[in-house]
Amino acid sequence: MEFSITIETDISAERKSGLLQNLSDELSIYFKDRNKGDDIYNYVIGCICMKNQPGYEDWYKKKKSQI
């Protein structure tokens, strides 16, 4: 099974992106020889690390509660 973490950061989070890249590499090695059946071949997690700056608040809208 292939595993990866995609990373998108701004300049203020660049130092932390190395930690996430190391985590992605280690998990990729861990999952490489593991088989989760024919249904799962790739597993990708997206990670966006940004300092809260004006203009980014519209990237993600809050989801309505389903209660």
C-alpha atoms as a PDB file:
ATOM      1  CA  MET A   1       0.000   0.000   0.000  1.00  0.00           C
ATOM      2  CA  GLU A   2       1.272   3.488  -0.821  1.00  0.00           C
ATOM      3  CA  PHE A   3       0.958   6.234   1.788  1.00  0.00           C
ATOM      4  CA  SER A   4       1.764   9.928   1.642  1.00  0.00           C
ATOM      5  CA  ILE A   5       1.010  13.261   3.253  1.00  0.00           C
ATOM      6  CA  THR A   6       0.754  16.229   0.912  1.00  0.00           C
ATOM      7  CA  ILE A   7       2.005  19.429   2.479  1.00  0.00           C
ATOM      8  CA  GLU A   8       1.177  23.028   1.629  1.00  0.00           C
ATOM      9  CA  THR A   9       2.732  25.679   3.864  1.00  0.00           C
ATOM     10  CA  ASP A  10       3.420  29.374   3.944  1.00  0.00           C
ATOM     11  CA  ILE A  11       6.855  30.761   4.788  1.00  0.00           C
ATOM     12  CA  SER A  12       6.082  31.026   8.527  1.00  0.00           C
ATOM     13  CA  ALA A  13       5.283  27.285   8.733  1.00  0.00           C
ATOM     14  CA  GLU A  14       8.216  26.139   6.608  1.00  0.00           C
ATOM     15  CA  ARG A  15      10.219  24.915   9.614  1.00  0.00           C
ATOM     16  CA  LYS A  16       7.373  22.616  10.660  1.00  0.00           C
ATOM     17  CA  SER A  17       7.010  21.174   7.153  1.00  0.00           C
ATOM     18  CA  GLY A  18      10.214  19.184   7.669  1.00  0.00           C
ATOM     19  CA  LEU A  19       8.581  17.382  10.584  1.00  0.00           C
ATOM     20  CA  LEU A  20       5.553  16.546   8.471  1.00  0.00           C
ATOM     21  CA  GLN A  21       7.764  15.342   5.626  1.00  0.00           C
ATOM     22  CA  ASN A  22       9.658  13.052   8.012  1.00  0.00           C
ATOM     23  CA  LEU A  23       6.359  11.693   9.336  1.00  0.00           C
ATOM     24  CA  SER A  24       5.168  11.073   5.780  1.00  0.00           C
ATOM     25  CA  ASP A  25       8.403   9.259   4.901  1.00  0.00           C
ATOM     26  CA  GLU A  26       8.268   7.065   8.012  1.00  0.00           C
ATOM     27  CA  LEU A  27       4.607   6.165   7.485  1.00  0.00           C
ATOM     28  CA  SER A  28       5.304   5.414   3.827  1.00  0.00           C
ATOM     29  CA  ILE A  29       7.961   2.896   4.877  1.00  0.00           C
ATOM     30  CA  TYR A  30       5.656   1.429   7.548  1.00  0.00           C
ATOM     31  CA  PHE A  31       2.748   0.896   5.144  1.00  0.00           C
ATOM     32  CA  LYS A  32       4.850  -0.171   2.136  1.00  0.00           C
ATOM     33  CA  ASP A  33       4.656  -3.933   2.770  1.00  0.00           C
ATOM     34  CA  ARG A  34       1.237  -3.943   4.401  1.00  0.00           C
ATOM     35  CA  ASN A  35      -1.773  -5.090   2.457  1.00  0.00           C
ATOM     36  CA  LYS A  36      -5.196  -3.737   3.363  1.00  0.00           C
ATOM     37  CA  GLY A  37      -6.972  -5.758   0.693  1.00  0.00           C
ATOM     38  CA  ASP A  38      -7.693  -4.976  -2.931  1.00  0.00           C
ATOM     39  CA  ASP A  39      -9.862  -1.983  -2.043  1.00  0.00           C
ATOM     40  CA  ILE A  40      -7.107   0.270  -0.662  1.00  0.00           C
ATOM     41  CA  TYR A  41      -3.982   0.818  -2.741  1.00  0.00           C
ATOM     42  CA  ASN A  42      -3.185   4.493  -2.059  1.00  0.00           C
ATOM     43  CA  TYR A  43      -3.810   6.528   1.058  1.00  0.00           C
ATOM     44  CA  VAL A  44      -3.139  10.278   0.920  1.00  0.00           C
ATOM     45  CA  ILE A  45      -3.650  12.883   3.658  1.00  0.00           C
ATOM     46  CA  GLY A  46      -3.648  16.572   2.728  1.00  0.00           C
ATOM     47  CA  CYS A  47      -2.178  19.027   5.212  1.00  0.00           C
ATOM     48  CA  ILE A  48      -2.287  22.819   4.908  1.00  0.00           C
ATOM     49  CA  CYS A  49      -0.242  24.787   7.463  1.00  0.00           C
ATOM     50  CA  MET A  50      -0.748  28.526   7.300  1.00  0.00           C
ATOM     51  CA  LYS A  51      -0.450  31.364   9.721  1.00  0.00           C
ATOM     52  CA  ASN A  52      -3.869  32.965  10.039  1.00  0.00           C
ATOM     53  CA  GLN A  53      -3.587  35.942   7.720  1.00  0.00           C
ATOM     54  CA  PRO A  54      -6.186  38.180   6.120  1.00  0.00           C
ATOM     55  CA  GLY A  55      -7.450  36.630   2.909  1.00  0.00           C
ATOM     56  CA  TYR A  56      -7.242  32.975   3.992  1.00  0.00           C
ATOM     57  CA  GLU A  57     -10.528  32.949   5.901  1.00  0.00           C
ATOM     58  CA  ASP A  58     -12.473  32.243   2.697  1.00  0.00           C
ATOM     59  CA  TRP A  59     -10.522  29.065   1.866  1.00  0.00           C
ATOM     60  CA  TYR A  60     -12.801  26.900   3.980  1.00  0.00           C
ATOM     61  CA  LYS A  61     -16.374  27.570   4.906  1.00  0.00           C
ATOM     62  CA  LYS A  62     -17.724  26.241   8.208  1.00  0.00           C
ATOM     63  CA  LYS A  63     -20.000  23.275   7.664  1.00  0.00           C
ATOM     64  CA  LYS A  64     -23.551  23.448   8.943  1.00  0.00           C
ATOM     65  CA  SER A  65     -24.276  21.302  11.954  1.00  0.00           C
ATOM     66  CA  GLN A  66     -26.416  18.269  11.162  1.00  0.00           C
ATOM     67  CA  ILE A  67     -28.001  18.033  14.608  1.00  0.00           C
END
